[in-house]
Amino acid sequence: MMRKRTDMPAGLELWQTEWCPSSRRVRQRLTELGVSFLARQVPVEPDARTELGSATGQWTIPALVAGDEVILGEQAILGYLGSHFSEPPDAPAQRAKAEKAKRKELEETCPKLTAATR
């Protein structure tokens, strides 16, 4: 879902949380594309999301503010990024590096799981 906004300066702002899988996937895609953005942390409790509501008119995450547009939800944001940014040649290497880092994190967090998957 996209909405128009007229009081936002140019640049990308991602309203998100670290624990949200959709937010993580959007952050990863922005990184793969080499796109600079400002990450705005959103409180866990929906009732405490007044800043998010003021900035986007919504209380759900992830939300991307791009100039005068507000793009809501992972799929809509990924679609927007795909239509506005070209994938650089090093994107596959960035993806592989992120997958390796995630795997290492999982192995350190879940040693029993690691032993079972080898």
PDB file of N, CA and C in Angstrom:
ATOM      1  N   MET A   1       0.852  -1.177   0.000  1.00  0.00           N
ATOM      2  CA  MET A   1       0.000   0.000   0.000  1.00  0.00           C
ATOM      3  C   MET A   1       0.892   1.233   0.000  1.00  0.00           C
ATOM      4  N   MET A   2       0.627   2.166  -0.911  1.00  0.00           N
ATOM      5  CA  MET A   2       1.406   3.404  -0.957  1.00  0.00           C
ATOM      6  C   MET A   2       0.478   4.583  -0.683  1.00  0.00           C
ATOM      7  N   ARG A   3       0.995   5.534   0.082  1.00  0.00           N
ATOM      8  CA  ARG A   3       0.261   6.763   0.365  1.00  0.00           C
ATOM      9  C   ARG A   3       1.167   7.919   0.039  1.00  0.00           C
ATOM     10  N   LYS A   4       0.607   9.043  -0.315  1.00  0.00           N
ATOM     11  CA  LYS A   4       1.377  10.251  -0.606  1.00  0.00           C
ATOM     12  C   LYS A   4       1.571  11.052   0.670  1.00  0.00           C
ATOM     13  N   ARG A   5       2.723  11.687   0.742  1.00  0.00           N
ATOM     14  CA  ARG A   5       3.040  12.564   1.860  1.00  0.00           C
ATOM     15  C   ARG A   5       3.773  13.765   1.330  1.00  0.00           C
ATOM     16  N   THR A   6       3.469  14.946   1.812  1.00  0.00           N
ATOM     17  CA  THR A   6       4.093  16.147   1.253  1.00  0.00           C
ATOM     18  C   THR A   6       5.056  16.848   2.199  1.00  0.00           C
ATOM     19  N   ASP A   7       5.108  16.447   3.477  1.00  0.00           N
ATOM     20  CA  ASP A   7       5.943  17.166   4.438  1.00  0.00           C
ATOM     21  C   ASP A   7       7.228  16.419   4.806  1.00  0.00           C
ATOM     22  N   MET A   8       7.663  15.498   3.962  1.00  0.00           N
ATOM     23  CA  MET A   8       8.838  14.686   4.255  1.00  0.00           C
ATOM     24  C   MET A   8      10.007  15.108   3.382  1.00  0.00           C
ATOM     25  N   PRO A   9      11.191  15.325   3.949  1.00  0.00           N
ATOM     26  CA  PRO A   9      12.351  15.642   3.123  1.00  0.00           C
ATOM     27  C   PRO A   9      12.775  14.435   2.290  1.00  0.00           C
ATOM     28  N   ALA A  10      13.580  14.689   1.267  1.00  0.00           N
ATOM     29  CA  ALA A  10      14.068  13.610   0.402  1.00  0.00           C
ATOM     30  C   ALA A  10      14.925  12.648   1.209  1.00  0.00           C
ATOM     31  N   GLY A  11      15.025  11.412   0.735  1.00  0.00           N
ATOM     32  CA  GLY A  11      15.793  10.372   1.416  1.00  0.00           C
ATOM     33  C   GLY A  11      14.878   9.249   1.852  1.00  0.00           C
ATOM     34  N   LEU A  12      15.471   8.142   2.224  1.00  0.00           N
ATOM     35  CA  LEU A  12      14.684   6.983   2.639  1.00  0.00           C
ATOM     36  C   LEU A  12      14.754   6.806   4.151  1.00  0.00           C
ATOM     37  N   GLU A  13      13.600   6.585   4.740  1.00  0.00           N
ATOM     38  CA  GLU A  13      13.508   6.277   6.166  1.00  0.00           C
ATOM     39  C   GLU A  13      12.770   4.962   6.292  1.00  0.00           C
ATOM     40  N   LEU A  14      13.380   4.002   6.970  1.00  0.00           N
ATOM     41  CA  LEU A  14      12.737   2.719   7.209  1.00  0.00           C
ATOM     42  C   LEU A  14      12.302   2.656   8.659  1.00  0.00           C
ATOM     43  N   TRP A  15      11.003   2.595   8.866  1.00  0.00           N
ATOM     44  CA  TRP A  15      10.434   2.440  10.202  1.00  0.00           C
ATOM     45  C   TRP A  15      10.330   0.943  10.432  1.00  0.00           C
ATOM     46  N   GLN A  16      11.035   0.446  11.471  1.00  0.00           N
ATOM     47  CA  GLN A  16      11.200  -0.992  11.625  1.00  0.00           C
ATOM     48  C   GLN A  16      11.617  -1.348  13.046  1.00  0.00           C
ATOM     49  N   THR A  17      11.742  -2.665  13.284  1.00  0.00           N
ATOM     50  CA  THR A  17      12.317  -3.151  14.536  1.00  0.00           C
ATOM     51  C   THR A  17      13.338  -4.229  14.203  1.00  0.00           C
ATOM     52  N   GLU A  18      14.234  -4.471  15.126  1.00  0.00           N
ATOM     53  CA  GLU A  18      15.256  -5.498  14.931  1.00  0.00           C
ATOM     54  C   GLU A  18      14.666  -6.899  15.003  1.00  0.00           C
ATOM     55  N   TRP A  19      13.581  -7.096  15.756  1.00  0.00           N
ATOM     56  CA  TRP A  19      13.014  -8.428  15.943  1.00  0.00           C
ATOM     57  C   TRP A  19      12.053  -8.836  14.830  1.00  0.00           C
ATOM     58  N   CYS A  20      11.680  -7.945  13.966  1.00  0.00           N
ATOM     59  CA  CYS A  20      10.682  -8.218  12.918  1.00  0.00           C
ATOM     60  C   CYS A  20      11.343  -8.855  11.687  1.00  0.00           C
ATOM     61  N   PRO A  21      10.951 -10.080  11.313  1.00  0.00           N
ATOM     62  CA  PRO A  21      11.540 -10.729  10.141  1.00  0.00           C
ATOM     63  C   PRO A  21      11.334  -9.930   8.849  1.00  0.00           C
ATOM     64  N   SER A  22      10.190  -9.314   8.689  1.00  0.00           N
ATOM     65  CA  SER A  22       9.945  -8.505   7.487  1.00  0.00           C
ATOM     66  C   SER A  22      10.880  -7.302   7.442  1.00  0.00           C
ATOM     67  N   SER A  23      11.078  -6.667   8.592  1.00  0.00           N
ATOM     68  CA  SER A  23      12.005  -5.533   8.663  1.00  0.00           C
ATOM     69  C   SER A  23      13.416  -5.983   8.311  1.00  0.00           C
ATOM     70  N   ARG A  24      13.825  -7.149   8.822  1.00  0.00           N
ATOM     71  CA  ARG A  24      15.160  -7.663   8.530  1.00  0.00           C
ATOM     72  C   ARG A  24      15.339  -7.904   7.037  1.00  0.00           C
ATOM     73  N   ARG A  25      14.333  -8.481   6.379  1.00  0.00           N
ATOM     74  CA  ARG A  25      14.446  -8.741   4.945  1.00  0.00           C
ATOM     75  C   ARG A  25      14.519  -7.442   4.143  1.00  0.00           C
ATOM     76  N   VAL A  26      13.783  -6.430   4.555  1.00  0.00           N
ATOM     77  CA  VAL A  26      13.845  -5.134   3.865  1.00  0.00           C
ATOM     78  C   VAL A  26      15.211  -4.495   4.082  1.00  0.00           C
ATOM     79  N   ARG A  27      15.728  -4.521   5.319  1.00  0.00           N
ATOM     80  CA  ARG A  27      17.070  -3.978   5.581  1.00  0.00           C
ATOM     81  C   ARG A  27      18.107  -4.698   4.729  1.00  0.00           C
ATOM     82  N   GLN A  28      17.990  -6.021   4.646  1.00  0.00           N
ATOM     83  CA  GLN A  28      18.931  -6.801   3.845  1.00  0.00           C
ATOM     84  C   GLN A  28      18.884  -6.375   2.380  1.00  0.00           C
ATOM     85  N   ARG A  29      17.683  -6.188   1.852  1.00  0.00           N
ATOM     86  CA  ARG A  29      17.557  -5.799   0.438  1.00  0.00           C
ATOM     87  C   ARG A  29      18.135  -4.407   0.208  1.00  0.00           C
ATOM     88  N   LEU A  30      17.875  -3.485   1.111  1.00  0.00           N
ATOM     89  CA  LEU A  30      18.457  -2.148   0.995  1.00  0.00           C
ATOM     90  C   LEU A  30      19.983  -2.231   0.981  1.00  0.00           C
ATOM     91  N   THR A  31      20.537  -3.076   1.830  1.00  0.00           N
ATOM     92  CA  THR A  31      21.986  -3.257   1.884  1.00  0.00           C
ATOM     93  C   THR A  31      22.502  -3.867   0.588  1.00  0.00           C
ATOM     94  N   GLU A  32      21.820  -4.897   0.085  1.00  0.00           N
ATOM     95  CA  GLU A  32      22.214  -5.526  -1.182  1.00  0.00           C
ATOM     96  C   GLU A  32      22.241  -4.513  -2.314  1.00  0.00           C
ATOM     97  N   LEU A  33      21.273  -3.616  -2.313  1.00  0.00           N
ATOM     98  CA  LEU A  33      21.177  -2.611  -3.366  1.00  0.00           C
ATOM     99  C   LEU A  33      22.157  -1.455  -3.165  1.00  0.00           C
ATOM    100  N   GLY A  34      22.772  -1.402  -1.989  1.00  0.00           N
ATOM    101  CA  GLY A  34      23.704  -0.314  -1.706  1.00  0.00           C
ATOM    102  C   GLY A  34      22.999   1.012  -1.497  1.00  0.00           C
ATOM    103  N   VAL A  35      21.775   0.958  -1.002  1.00  0.00           N
ATOM    104  CA  VAL A  35      20.959   2.159  -0.817  1.00  0.00           C
ATOM    105  C   VAL A  35      21.108   2.660   0.622  1.00  0.00           C
ATOM    106  N   SER A  36      21.431   3.927   0.758  1.00  0.00           N
ATOM    107  CA  SER A  36      21.514   4.541   2.087  1.00  0.00           C
ATOM    108  C   SER A  36      20.112   4.809   2.605  1.00  0.00           C
ATOM    109  N   PHE A  37      19.927   4.585   3.893  1.00  0.00           N
ATOM    110  CA  PHE A  37      18.620   4.829   4.506  1.00  0.00           C
ATOM    111  C   PHE A  37      18.808   5.122   5.979  1.00  0.00           C
ATOM    112  N   LEU A  38      17.815   5.758   6.547  1.00  0.00           N
ATOM    113  CA  LEU A  38      17.796   6.033   7.974  1.00  0.00           C
ATOM    114  C   LEU A  38      16.854   5.028   8.617  1.00  0.00           C
ATOM    115  N   ALA A  39      17.363   4.231   9.543  1.00  0.00           N
ATOM    116  CA  ALA A  39      16.529   3.254  10.249  1.00  0.00           C
ATOM    117  C   ALA A  39      15.916   3.923  11.469  1.00  0.00           C
ATOM    118  N   ARG A  40      14.613   3.845  11.537  1.00  0.00           N
ATOM    119  CA  ARG A  40      13.866   4.391  12.678  1.00  0.00           C
ATOM    120  C   ARG A  40      13.315   3.224  13.483  1.00  0.00           C
ATOM    121  N   GLN A  41      13.738   3.114  14.731  1.00  0.00           N
ATOM    122  CA  GLN A  41      13.271   2.038  15.598  1.00  0.00           C
ATOM    123  C   GLN A  41      11.857   2.331  16.081  1.00  0.00           C
ATOM    124  N   VAL A  42      11.034   1.301  16.067  1.00  0.00           N
ATOM    125  CA  VAL A  42       9.640   1.425  16.463  1.00  0.00           C
ATOM    126  C   VAL A  42       9.418   0.601  17.729  1.00  0.00           C
ATOM    127  N   PRO A  43       8.701   1.139  18.708  1.00  0.00           N
ATOM    128  CA  PRO A  43       8.432   0.380  19.934  1.00  0.00           C
ATOM    129  C   PRO A  43       7.648  -0.908  19.643  1.00  0.00           C
ATOM    130  N   VAL A  44       7.840  -1.888  20.501  1.00  0.00           N
ATOM    131  CA  VAL A  44       7.145  -3.166  20.358  1.00  0.00           C
ATOM    132  C   VAL A  44       5.632  -2.975  20.502  1.00  0.00           C
ATOM    133  N   GLU A  45       5.223  -2.213  21.494  1.00  0.00           N
ATOM    134  CA  GLU A  45       3.803  -2.036  21.780  1.00  0.00           C
ATOM    135  C   GLU A  45       3.155  -1.107  20.748  1.00  0.00           C
ATOM    136  N   PRO A  46       2.136  -1.589  20.031  1.00  0.00           N
ATOM    137  CA  PRO A  46       1.469  -0.750  19.029  1.00  0.00           C
ATOM    138  C   PRO A  46       0.955   0.581  19.595  1.00  0.00           C
ATOM    139  N   ASP A  47       0.515   0.595  20.853  1.00  0.00           N
ATOM    140  CA  ASP A  47       0.003   1.831  21.450  1.00  0.00           C
ATOM    141  C   ASP A  47       1.090   2.892  21.628  1.00  0.00           C
ATOM    142  N   ALA A  48       2.370   2.481  21.610  1.00  0.00           N
ATOM    143  CA  ALA A  48       3.476   3.418  21.812  1.00  0.00           C
ATOM    144  C   ALA A  48       4.072   3.906  20.493  1.00  0.00           C
ATOM    145  N   ARG A  49       3.406   3.633  19.402  1.00  0.00           N
ATOM    146  CA  ARG A  49       3.954   3.962  18.084  1.00  0.00           C
ATOM    147  C   ARG A  49       3.441   5.304  17.541  1.00  0.00           C
ATOM    148  N   THR A  50       3.366   6.296  18.393  1.00  0.00           N
ATOM    149  CA  THR A  50       2.827   7.589  17.974  1.00  0.00           C
ATOM    150  C   THR A  50       3.708   8.268  16.926  1.00  0.00           C
ATOM    151  N   GLU A  51       5.039   8.153  17.067  1.00  0.00           N
ATOM    152  CA  GLU A  51       5.944   8.751  16.079  1.00  0.00           C
ATOM    153  C   GLU A  51       5.740   8.111  14.707  1.00  0.00           C
ATOM    154  N   LEU A  52       5.624   6.789  14.691  1.00  0.00           N
ATOM    155  CA  LEU A  52       5.365   6.071  13.444  1.00  0.00           C
ATOM    156  C   LEU A  52       4.050   6.535  12.837  1.00  0.00           C
ATOM    157  N   GLY A  53       3.021   6.639  13.660  1.00  0.00           N
ATOM    158  CA  GLY A  53       1.720   7.095  13.174  1.00  0.00           C
ATOM    159  C   GLY A  53       1.770   8.497  12.607  1.00  0.00           C
ATOM    160  N   SER A  54       2.505   9.377  13.267  1.00  0.00           N
ATOM    161  CA  SER A  54       2.632  10.749  12.771  1.00  0.00           C
ATOM    162  C   SER A  54       3.380  10.804  11.442  1.00  0.00           C
ATOM    163  N   ALA A  55       4.415   9.974  11.306  1.00  0.00           N
ATOM    164  CA  ALA A  55       5.249  10.004  10.099  1.00  0.00           C
ATOM    165  C   ALA A  55       4.607   9.309   8.907  1.00  0.00           C
ATOM    166  N   THR A  56       3.826   8.247   9.168  1.00  0.00           N
ATOM    167  CA  THR A  56       3.314   7.430   8.055  1.00  0.00           C
ATOM    168  C   THR A  56       1.805   7.369   7.957  1.00  0.00           C
ATOM    169  N   GLY A  57       1.125   7.741   9.021  1.00  0.00           N
ATOM    170  CA  GLY A  57      -0.331   7.595   9.031  1.00  0.00           C
ATOM    171  C   GLY A  57      -0.769   6.181   9.365  1.00  0.00           C
ATOM    172  N   GLN A  58       0.174   5.306   9.696  1.00  0.00           N
ATOM    173  CA  GLN A  58      -0.105   3.911  10.015  1.00  0.00           C
ATOM    174  C   GLN A  58       0.650   3.513  11.282  1.00  0.00           C
ATOM    175  N   TRP A  59       0.332   2.326  11.800  1.00  0.00           N
ATOM    176  CA  TRP A  59       0.992   1.849  13.001  1.00  0.00           C
ATOM    177  C   TRP A  59       1.620   0.473  12.796  1.00  0.00           C
ATOM    178  N   THR A  60       1.794   0.063  11.557  1.00  0.00           N
ATOM    179  CA  THR A  60       2.379  -1.236  11.266  1.00  0.00           C
ATOM    180  C   THR A  60       3.763  -1.069  10.644  1.00  0.00           C
ATOM    181  N   ILE A  61       4.576  -2.120  10.785  1.00  0.00           N
ATOM    182  CA  ILE A  61       5.925  -2.114  10.234  1.00  0.00           C
ATOM    183  C   ILE A  61       6.102  -3.326   9.335  1.00  0.00           C
ATOM    184  N   PRO A  62       7.057  -3.280   8.452  1.00  0.00           N
ATOM    185  CA  PRO A  62       7.911  -2.152   8.128  1.00  0.00           C
ATOM    186  C   PRO A  62       7.170  -1.115   7.297  1.00  0.00           C
ATOM    187  N   ALA A  63       7.647   0.104   7.375  1.00  0.00           N
ATOM    188  CA  ALA A  63       7.120   1.207   6.575  1.00  0.00           C
ATOM    189  C   ALA A  63       8.315   1.983   6.032  1.00  0.00           C
ATOM    190  N   LEU A  64       8.280   2.266   4.750  1.00  0.00           N
ATOM    191  CA  LEU A  64       9.364   3.014   4.111  1.00  0.00           C
ATOM    192  C   LEU A  64       8.823   4.359   3.665  1.00  0.00           C
ATOM    193  N   VAL A  65       9.482   5.428   4.110  1.00  0.00           N
ATOM    194  CA  VAL A  65       9.146   6.772   3.666  1.00  0.00           C
ATOM    195  C   VAL A  65      10.187   7.153   2.624  1.00  0.00           C
ATOM    196  N   ALA A  66       9.709   7.413   1.408  1.00  0.00           N
ATOM    197  CA  ALA A  66      10.579   7.759   0.283  1.00  0.00           C
ATOM    198  C   ALA A  66      10.080   9.068  -0.301  1.00  0.00           C
ATOM    199  N   GLY A  67      10.693  10.172   0.140  1.00  0.00           N
ATOM    200  CA  GLY A  67      10.223  11.473  -0.314  1.00  0.00           C
ATOM    201  C   GLY A  67       8.807  11.708   0.163  1.00  0.00           C
ATOM    202  N   ASP A  68       7.877  11.859  -0.777  1.00  0.00           N
ATOM    203  CA  ASP A  68       6.483  12.112  -0.390  1.00  0.00           C
ATOM    204  C   ASP A  68       5.634  10.842  -0.418  1.00  0.00           C
ATOM    205  N   GLU A  69       6.260   9.683  -0.567  1.00  0.00           N
ATOM    206  CA  GLU A  69       5.528   8.418  -0.585  1.00  0.00           C
ATOM    207  C   GLU A  69       5.774   7.635   0.696  1.00  0.00           C
ATOM    208  N   VAL A  70       4.741   6.942   1.161  1.00  0.00           N
ATOM    209  CA  VAL A  70       4.853   6.022   2.281  1.00  0.00           C
ATOM    210  C   VAL A  70       4.463   4.655   1.741  1.00  0.00           C
ATOM    211  N   ILE A  71       5.395   3.702   1.819  1.00  0.00           N
ATOM    212  CA  ILE A  71       5.163   2.360   1.322  1.00  0.00           C
ATOM    213  C   ILE A  71       5.085   1.446   2.539  1.00  0.00           C
ATOM    214  N   LEU A  72       3.998   0.695   2.628  1.00  0.00           N
ATOM    215  CA  LEU A  72       3.735  -0.117   3.809  1.00  0.00           C
ATOM    216  C   LEU A  72       3.806  -1.606   3.502  1.00  0.00           C
ATOM    217  N   GLY A  73       4.497  -2.335   4.347  1.00  0.00           N
ATOM    218  CA  GLY A  73       4.562  -3.786   4.233  1.00  0.00           C
ATOM    219  C   GLY A  73       5.744  -4.258   3.411  1.00  0.00           C
ATOM    220  N   GLU A  74       6.240  -5.434   3.782  1.00  0.00           N
ATOM    221  CA  GLU A  74       7.438  -5.988   3.144  1.00  0.00           C
ATOM    222  C   GLU A  74       7.305  -6.120   1.640  1.00  0.00           C
ATOM    223  N   GLN A  75       6.244  -6.732   1.148  1.00  0.00           N
ATOM    224  CA  GLN A  75       6.106  -6.969  -0.287  1.00  0.00           C
ATOM    225  C   GLN A  75       6.028  -5.666  -1.075  1.00  0.00           C
ATOM    226  N   ALA A  76       5.268  -4.713  -0.568  1.00  0.00           N
ATOM    227  CA  ALA A  76       5.156  -3.421  -1.258  1.00  0.00           C
ATOM    228  C   ALA A  76       6.499  -2.695  -1.269  1.00  0.00           C
ATOM    229  N   ILE A  77       7.228  -2.761  -0.157  1.00  0.00           N
ATOM    230  CA  ILE A  77       8.535  -2.098  -0.095  1.00  0.00           C
ATOM    231  C   ILE A  77       9.513  -2.766  -1.051  1.00  0.00           C
ATOM    232  N   LEU A  78       9.558  -4.095  -1.054  1.00  0.00           N
ATOM    233  CA  LEU A  78      10.466  -4.796  -1.959  1.00  0.00           C
ATOM    234  C   LEU A  78      10.115  -4.503  -3.416  1.00  0.00           C
ATOM    235  N   GLY A  79       8.833  -4.413  -3.724  1.00  0.00           N
ATOM    236  CA  GLY A  79       8.406  -4.046  -5.077  1.00  0.00           C
ATOM    237  C   GLY A  79       8.858  -2.638  -5.439  1.00  0.00           C
ATOM    238  N   TYR A  80       8.702  -1.716  -4.512  1.00  0.00           N
ATOM    239  CA  TYR A  80       9.148  -0.332  -4.734  1.00  0.00           C
ATOM    240  C   TYR A  80      10.652  -0.296  -4.993  1.00  0.00           C
ATOM    241  N   LEU A  81      11.411  -0.986  -4.157  1.00  0.00           N
ATOM    242  CA  LEU A  81      12.868  -0.995  -4.327  1.00  0.00           C
ATOM    243  C   LEU A  81      13.251  -1.598  -5.673  1.00  0.00           C
ATOM    244  N   GLY A  82      12.568  -2.668  -6.062  1.00  0.00           N
ATOM    245  CA  GLY A  82      12.854  -3.310  -7.341  1.00  0.00           C
ATOM    246  C   GLY A  82      12.571  -2.418  -8.533  1.00  0.00           C
ATOM    247  N   SER A  83      11.599  -1.546  -8.408  1.00  0.00           N
ATOM    248  CA  SER A  83      11.249  -0.674  -9.531  1.00  0.00           C
ATOM    249  C   SER A  83      12.019   0.651  -9.527  1.00  0.00           C
ATOM    250  N   HIS A  84      12.692   0.969  -8.428  1.00  0.00           N
ATOM    251  CA  HIS A  84      13.401   2.243  -8.333  1.00  0.00           C
ATOM    252  C   HIS A  84      14.923   2.131  -8.261  1.00  0.00           C
ATOM    253  N   PHE A  85      15.448   0.933  -8.006  1.00  0.00           N
ATOM    254  CA  PHE A  85      16.891   0.764  -7.851  1.00  0.00           C
ATOM    255  C   PHE A  85      17.359  -0.453  -8.627  1.00  0.00           C
ATOM    256  N   SER A  86      18.486  -0.313  -9.297  1.00  0.00           N
ATOM    257  CA  SER A  86      19.090  -1.434 -10.010  1.00  0.00           C
ATOM    258  C   SER A  86      19.963  -2.223  -9.050  1.00  0.00           C
ATOM    259  N   GLU A  87      19.981  -3.534  -9.256  1.00  0.00           N
ATOM    260  CA  GLU A  87      20.831  -4.370  -8.414  1.00  0.00           C
ATOM    261  C   GLU A  87      22.278  -4.232  -8.876  1.00  0.00           C
ATOM    262  N   PRO A  88      23.176  -3.868  -7.973  1.00  0.00           N
ATOM    263  CA  PRO A  88      24.587  -3.739  -8.355  1.00  0.00           C
ATOM    264  C   PRO A  88      25.212  -5.122  -8.565  1.00  0.00           C
ATOM    265  N   PRO A  89      26.327  -5.170  -9.283  1.00  0.00           N
ATOM    266  CA  PRO A  89      26.980  -6.453  -9.560  1.00  0.00           C
ATOM    267  C   PRO A  89      27.400  -7.225  -8.306  1.00  0.00           C
ATOM    268  N   ASP A  90      27.671  -6.521  -7.205  1.00  0.00           N
ATOM    269  CA  ASP A  90      28.118  -7.213  -5.996  1.00  0.00           C
ATOM    270  C   ASP A  90      26.976  -7.658  -5.079  1.00  0.00           C
ATOM    271  N   ALA A  91      25.727  -7.513  -5.504  1.00  0.00           N
ATOM    272  CA  ALA A  91      24.588  -7.912  -4.672  1.00  0.00           C
ATOM    273  C   ALA A  91      24.617  -9.398  -4.314  1.00  0.00           C
ATOM    274  N   PRO A  92      24.914 -10.309  -5.264  1.00  0.00           N
ATOM    275  CA  PRO A  92      24.969 -11.731  -4.881  1.00  0.00           C
ATOM    276  C   PRO A  92      26.042 -12.010  -3.812  1.00  0.00           C
ATOM    277  N   ALA A  93      27.172 -11.336  -3.906  1.00  0.00           N
ATOM    278  CA  ALA A  93      28.221 -11.515  -2.897  1.00  0.00           C
ATOM    279  C   ALA A  93      27.744 -10.993  -1.542  1.00  0.00           C
ATOM    280  N   GLN A  94      27.026  -9.883  -1.546  1.00  0.00           N
ATOM    281  CA  GLN A  94      26.473  -9.329  -0.306  1.00  0.00           C
ATOM    282  C   GLN A  94      25.483 -10.308   0.313  1.00  0.00           C
ATOM    283  N   ARG A  95      24.623 -10.906  -0.522  1.00  0.00           N
ATOM    284  CA  ARG A  95      23.647 -11.893  -0.051  1.00  0.00           C
ATOM    285  C   ARG A  95      24.355 -13.098   0.577  1.00  0.00           C
ATOM    286  N   ALA A  96      25.386 -13.602  -0.105  1.00  0.00           N
ATOM    287  CA  ALA A  96      26.131 -14.757   0.391  1.00  0.00           C
ATOM    288  C   ALA A  96      26.805 -14.440   1.733  1.00  0.00           C
ATOM    289  N   LYS A  97      27.353 -13.242   1.837  1.00  0.00           N
ATOM    290  CA  LYS A  97      28.002 -12.832   3.084  1.00  0.00           C
ATOM    291  C   LYS A  97      26.981 -12.770   4.223  1.00  0.00           C
ATOM    292  N   ALA A  98      25.805 -12.232   3.940  1.00  0.00           N
ATOM    293  CA  ALA A  98      24.751 -12.145   4.958  1.00  0.00           C
ATOM    294  C   ALA A  98      24.292 -13.536   5.377  1.00  0.00           C
ATOM    295  N   GLU A  99      24.149 -14.443   4.421  1.00  0.00           N
ATOM    296  CA  GLU A  99      23.735 -15.817   4.740  1.00  0.00           C
ATOM    297  C   GLU A  99      24.783 -16.514   5.597  1.00  0.00           C
ATOM    298  N   LYS A 100      26.050 -16.298   5.288  1.00  0.00           N
ATOM    299  CA  LYS A 100      27.134 -16.896   6.064  1.00  0.00           C
ATOM    300  C   LYS A 100      27.120 -16.360   7.495  1.00  0.00           C
ATOM    301  N   ALA A 101      26.929 -15.059   7.650  1.00  0.00           N
ATOM    302  CA  ALA A 101      26.882 -14.445   8.976  1.00  0.00           C
ATOM    303  C   ALA A 101      25.690 -14.968   9.775  1.00  0.00           C
ATOM    304  N   LYS A 102      24.555 -15.119   9.118  1.00  0.00           N
ATOM    305  CA  LYS A 102      23.357 -15.632   9.796  1.00  0.00           C
ATOM    306  C   LYS A 102      23.580 -17.073  10.232  1.00  0.00           C
ATOM    307  N   ARG A 103      24.190 -17.872   9.358  1.00  0.00           N
ATOM    308  CA  ARG A 103      24.479 -19.268   9.682  1.00  0.00           C
ATOM    309  C   ARG A 103      25.401 -19.348  10.896  1.00  0.00           C
ATOM    310  N   LYS A 104      26.441 -18.514  10.917  1.00  0.00           N
ATOM    311  CA  LYS A 104      27.371 -18.509  12.043  1.00  0.00           C
ATOM    312  C   LYS A 104      26.649 -18.128  13.337  1.00  0.00           C
ATOM    313  N   GLU A 105      25.783 -17.130  13.245  1.00  0.00           N
ATOM    314  CA  GLU A 105      25.014 -16.704  14.422  1.00  0.00           C
ATOM    315  C   GLU A 105      24.133 -17.839  14.928  1.00  0.00           C
ATOM    316  N   LEU A 106      23.477 -18.539  14.016  1.00  0.00           N
ATOM    317  CA  LEU A 106      22.631 -19.666  14.414  1.00  0.00           C
ATOM    318  C   LEU A 106      23.451 -20.789  15.030  1.00  0.00           C
ATOM    319  N   GLU A 107      24.608 -21.067  14.459  1.00  0.00           N
ATOM    320  CA  GLU A 107      25.464 -22.117  14.997  1.00  0.00           C
ATOM    321  C   GLU A 107      25.937 -21.784  16.412  1.00  0.00           C
ATOM    322  N   GLU A 108      26.255 -20.535  16.658  1.00  0.00           N
ATOM    323  CA  GLU A 108      26.693 -20.123  17.988  1.00  0.00           C
ATOM    324  C   GLU A 108      25.542 -20.128  18.979  1.00  0.00           C
ATOM    325  N   THR A 109      24.354 -19.785  18.515  1.00  0.00           N
ATOM    326  CA  THR A 109      23.184 -19.723  19.379  1.00  0.00           C
ATOM    327  C   THR A 109      22.609 -21.107  19.663  1.00  0.00           C
ATOM    328  N   CYS A 110      22.670 -21.979  18.669  1.00  0.00           N
ATOM    329  CA  CYS A 110      22.026 -23.292  18.770  1.00  0.00           C
ATOM    330  C   CYS A 110      23.019 -24.409  18.459  1.00  0.00           C
ATOM    331  N   PRO A 111      23.989 -24.691  19.343  1.00  0.00           N
ATOM    332  CA  PRO A 111      24.988 -25.699  19.028  1.00  0.00           C
ATOM    333  C   PRO A 111      24.395 -27.090  18.796  1.00  0.00           C
ATOM    334  N   LYS A 112      23.332 -27.441  19.498  1.00  0.00           N
ATOM    335  CA  LYS A 112      22.708 -28.756  19.289  1.00  0.00           C
ATOM    336  C   LYS A 112      22.105 -28.844  17.885  1.00  0.00           C
ATOM    337  N   LEU A 113      21.517 -27.773  17.420  1.00  0.00           N
ATOM    338  CA  LEU A 113      20.949 -27.740  16.084  1.00  0.00           C
ATOM    339  C   LEU A 113      22.049 -27.896  15.040  1.00  0.00           C
ATOM    340  N   THR A 114      23.168 -27.241  15.267  1.00  0.00           N
ATOM    341  CA  THR A 114      24.296 -27.319  14.339  1.00  0.00           C
ATOM    342  C   THR A 114      24.774 -28.762  14.199  1.00  0.00           C
ATOM    343  N   ALA A 115      24.923 -29.470  15.313  1.00  0.00           N
ATOM    344  CA  ALA A 115      25.383 -30.861  15.283  1.00  0.00           C
ATOM    345  C   ALA A 115      24.394 -31.743  14.534  1.00  0.00           C
ATOM    346  N   ALA A 116      23.108 -31.468  14.657  1.00  0.00           N
ATOM    347  CA  ALA A 116      22.081 -32.284  14.006  1.00  0.00           C
ATOM    348  C   ALA A 116      22.020 -32.043  12.506  1.00  0.00           C
ATOM    349  N   THR A 117      22.476 -30.882  12.042  1.00  0.00           N
ATOM    350  CA  THR A 117      22.365 -30.570  10.606  1.00  0.00           C
ATOM    351  C   THR A 117      23.629 -30.877   9.830  1.00  0.00           C
ATOM    352  N   ARG A 118      24.644 -31.379  10.486  1.00  0.00           N
ATOM    353  CA  ARG A 118      25.894 -31.696   9.771  1.00  0.00           C
ATOM    354  C   ARG A 118      25.939 -33.122   9.366  1.00  0.00           C
TER     355      ARG A 118
END
